[in-house]
Protein backbone atom coordinates (compact mmCIF):
# COMPACT_ATOMS: atom_id res chain seq x y z
CA MET A 1 -39.74 48.63 1.70
CA TYR A 2 -36.56 47.15 0.31
CA SER A 3 -33.04 47.30 1.65
CA TRP A 4 -29.74 46.28 0.11
CA ALA A 5 -26.40 45.27 1.52
CA ILE A 6 -23.15 45.33 -0.39
CA CYS A 7 -20.84 42.70 1.03
CA GLY A 8 -17.20 42.29 0.16
CA SER A 9 -13.78 41.54 1.45
CA GLY A 10 -10.37 43.12 1.28
CA VAL A 11 -11.15 46.43 3.01
CA THR A 12 -9.08 47.43 6.01
CA GLY A 13 -9.35 50.12 8.64
CA TRP A 14 -13.14 49.88 8.74
CA GLN A 15 -14.71 52.57 10.96
CA VAL A 16 -18.24 53.97 11.26
CA VAL A 17 -18.45 57.73 11.77
CA SER A 18 -21.88 58.99 12.81
CA GLY A 19 -23.53 62.23 13.78
CA SER A 20 -26.94 63.72 14.45
CA TYR A 21 -28.69 67.03 14.81
CA THR A 22 -32.02 67.67 16.53
CA ALA A 23 -34.02 70.61 15.23
CA SER A 24 -36.69 72.50 17.11
CA SER A 25 -40.16 73.06 15.72
CA GLY A 26 -40.19 75.51 12.82
CA THR A 27 -36.75 74.59 11.46
CA ASN A 28 -37.05 73.80 7.73
CA VAL A 29 -33.85 71.88 6.97
CA VAL A 30 -30.97 70.54 9.02
CA GLY A 31 -27.71 69.07 7.87
CA VAL A 32 -25.16 66.70 9.31
CA HIS A 33 -21.64 66.83 7.94
CA LEU A 34 -19.19 64.02 8.70
CA SER A 35 -15.48 63.64 7.98
CA CYS A 36 -13.60 60.37 7.81
CA PRO A 37 -10.51 60.12 10.02
CA SER A 38 -7.29 61.19 8.33
CA GLY A 39 -6.23 58.84 5.54
CA LYS A 40 -9.62 57.08 5.27
CA LYS A 41 -12.33 57.37 2.63
CA VAL A 42 -16.11 56.90 2.56
CA ILE A 43 -17.13 53.53 1.11
CA GLY A 44 -20.68 53.33 2.48
CA THR A 45 -23.39 55.78 3.56
CA GLY A 46 -26.55 55.89 5.61
CA ALA A 47 -29.09 58.38 6.92
CA ALA A 48 -32.30 58.61 8.91
CA ALA A 49 -35.01 61.21 9.47
CA VAL A 50 -36.77 60.81 12.83
CA GLY A 51 -39.80 62.81 13.88
CA GLY A 52 -42.77 61.56 11.89
CA GLY A 53 -43.80 60.85 8.33
CA HIS A 54 -43.54 64.45 7.20
CA PHE A 55 -39.78 64.66 7.81
CA LEU A 56 -37.72 63.27 4.94
CA ILE A 57 -34.14 62.65 3.89
CA ARG A 58 -33.34 65.26 1.24
CA SER A 59 -29.77 64.28 0.43
CA ILE A 60 -27.02 61.75 1.12
CA VAL A 61 -23.95 63.10 -0.67
CA PRO A 62 -20.42 61.68 -0.41
CA SER A 63 -17.83 64.34 -1.28
CA ALA A 64 -16.05 64.09 -4.63
CA ASP A 65 -12.81 63.06 -2.88
CA LEU A 66 -14.72 60.62 -0.61
CA THR A 67 -13.34 62.10 2.61
CA GLU A 68 -16.70 63.52 3.78
CA LEU A 69 -20.43 62.84 3.83
CA SER A 70 -23.24 65.41 3.96
CA VAL A 71 -26.85 64.54 4.83
CA GLU A 72 -29.85 66.89 4.81
CA VAL A 73 -33.23 66.22 6.40
CA GLY A 74 -36.25 68.48 6.26
CA GLY A 75 -40.01 68.65 6.48
CA ASP A 76 -42.66 68.84 3.82
CA GLU A 77 -45.25 71.64 3.74
CA VAL A 78 -47.33 70.15 6.62
CA ALA A 79 -44.48 69.09 8.91
CA SER A 80 -44.47 70.38 12.47
CA GLY A 81 -42.64 69.66 15.69
CA ALA A 82 -39.08 68.75 16.52
CA TYR A 83 -37.15 66.24 14.41
CA SER A 84 -33.69 64.75 14.08
CA ALA A 85 -31.26 64.01 11.26
CA TYR A 86 -28.80 61.13 11.50
CA ALA A 87 -25.86 60.43 9.20
CA TYR A 88 -23.53 57.44 8.95
CA ALA A 89 -20.31 57.14 6.94
CA ILE A 90 -18.46 53.85 6.67
CA CYS A 91 -14.83 54.87 6.32
CA VAL A 92 -11.98 52.55 5.28
CA ASN A 93 -8.38 52.71 4.21
CA PRO A 94 -8.49 53.67 0.51
CA VAL A 95 -9.44 50.84 -1.85
CA ALA A 96 -7.77 50.46 -5.28
CA GLY A 97 -9.55 52.56 -7.87
CA GLN A 98 -11.98 54.06 -5.35
CA GLN A 99 -13.95 56.95 -6.83
CA ARG A 100 -17.31 58.71 -6.75
CA VAL A 101 -19.30 58.97 -9.97
CA SER A 102 -22.61 60.76 -10.45
CA ALA A 103 -25.35 61.50 -12.94
CA THR A 104 -28.02 64.22 -12.80
CA THR A 105 -31.42 64.39 -14.48
CA ALA A 106 -32.63 67.19 -16.68
CA ALA A 107 -34.36 70.02 -14.80
CA ASN A 108 -38.14 69.76 -15.12
CA SER A 109 -41.19 69.56 -12.87
CA ILE A 110 -42.00 65.83 -12.90
CA SER A 111 -41.05 62.86 -10.72
CA LYS A 112 -37.84 61.29 -11.95
CA GLY A 113 -35.27 58.53 -11.78
CA ILE A 114 -31.63 58.31 -12.76
CA SER A 115 -28.93 55.63 -12.74
CA VAL A 116 -25.17 55.97 -12.80
CA ALA A 117 -22.81 53.15 -13.80
CA CYS A 118 -19.42 52.44 -12.29
CA PRO A 119 -16.55 52.68 -14.78
CA VAL A 120 -15.59 49.48 -16.61
CA GLY A 121 -13.73 47.08 -14.33
CA LYS A 122 -15.11 48.61 -11.12
CA LYS A 123 -17.99 47.53 -8.88
CA LEU A 124 -20.40 49.39 -6.67
CA HIS A 125 -19.46 49.74 -3.00
CA GLY A 126 -21.79 52.54 -1.82
CA THR A 127 -24.62 54.83 -2.90
CA GLY A 128 -26.05 58.29 -2.38
CA GLY A 129 -28.64 60.64 -3.79
CA ASP A 130 -29.75 64.24 -3.89
CA HIS A 131 -32.65 66.29 -5.24
CA THR A 132 -33.43 69.99 -5.48
CA ALA A 133 -37.21 69.83 -4.91
CA GLY A 134 -36.94 70.59 -1.20
CA GLY A 135 -39.91 69.38 0.83
CA GLU A 136 -42.02 68.83 -2.28
CA ALA A 137 -40.56 65.42 -3.16
CA HIS A 138 -39.14 62.34 -1.48
CA PHE A 139 -36.82 59.48 -2.34
CA ASP A 140 -38.69 56.39 -3.47
CA ARG A 141 -35.43 54.53 -3.93
CA ILE A 142 -31.67 54.86 -3.49
CA GLY A 143 -30.50 51.46 -4.55
CA LEU A 144 -28.33 49.16 -6.58
CA TRP A 145 -28.38 48.95 -10.38
CA GLY A 146 -27.09 46.82 -13.19
CA PRO A 147 -26.06 43.19 -13.74
CA GLY A 148 -25.64 41.48 -10.40
CA ALA A 149 -26.82 44.74 -8.81
CA VAL A 150 -23.20 45.85 -8.43
CA SER A 151 -22.75 47.93 -11.59
CA GLY A 152 -24.00 51.26 -10.29
CA SER A 153 -26.55 53.23 -8.30
CA ASP A 154 -30.19 54.06 -9.03
CA VAL A 155 -32.27 56.89 -7.56
CA ALA A 156 -36.00 57.57 -7.88
CA VAL A 157 -37.59 60.75 -6.52
CA ILE A 158 -41.37 61.22 -6.38
CA GLU A 159 -43.19 64.53 -6.00
CA ASP A 160 -45.57 64.68 -3.04
CA ALA A 161 -49.36 64.73 -3.39
CA THR A 162 -49.49 68.50 -3.90
CA GLY A 163 -46.88 68.42 -6.67
CA PHE A 164 -44.15 70.96 -7.38
CA ALA A 165 -44.47 73.33 -10.34
CA GLU A 166 -40.83 74.48 -10.37
CA ASN A 167 -38.03 72.77 -12.29
CA TRP A 168 -35.83 70.50 -10.18
CA THR A 169 -33.20 67.78 -10.59
CA ALA A 170 -32.22 64.47 -9.01
CA THR A 171 -28.67 63.10 -8.75
CA ALA A 172 -27.48 59.53 -8.23
CA TYR A 173 -24.06 58.90 -6.65
CA ALA A 174 -22.09 55.65 -6.81
CA ILE A 175 -18.97 54.84 -4.83
CA CYS A 176 -17.00 52.48 -7.05
CA ALA A 177 -13.72 50.56 -6.75
CA THR A 178 -11.91 47.61 -8.32
């Protein structure tokens, strides 16, 4: 397992907003939706799926205007029992040039990866990812990409052992600023 931290200075009004939802056995997917306090924007994201190896993070999606974060957690085809979804948004006073950019793969039925670059002159501050394969795939990576690992975001999604015959997509999100 790898983890990354994006460290920087110059942000003000730093605040972590968190939420969770516990699902009973038999619930396929749960979501946690967070909003930054008024006047603040998402600059960092986090999520956790708790309840065993068959419960997975399905999406970590900062809103286009960076005022909200949505996280989905669900089980694969053999999951059973109760589980919980946790979401974390790091909210700050707006940073110069702060924006969300994204890129989406073509729809097909194979494991996939996609990267998205921050616009010229901007650096990566946060990441996110999404896929439409439901419980048939999992994130292998939501990470940093590019020179100095601050140029954009990279997502890899792998189909599970039973595969998934339907067409699906993966999306990488990057929160960028100057």
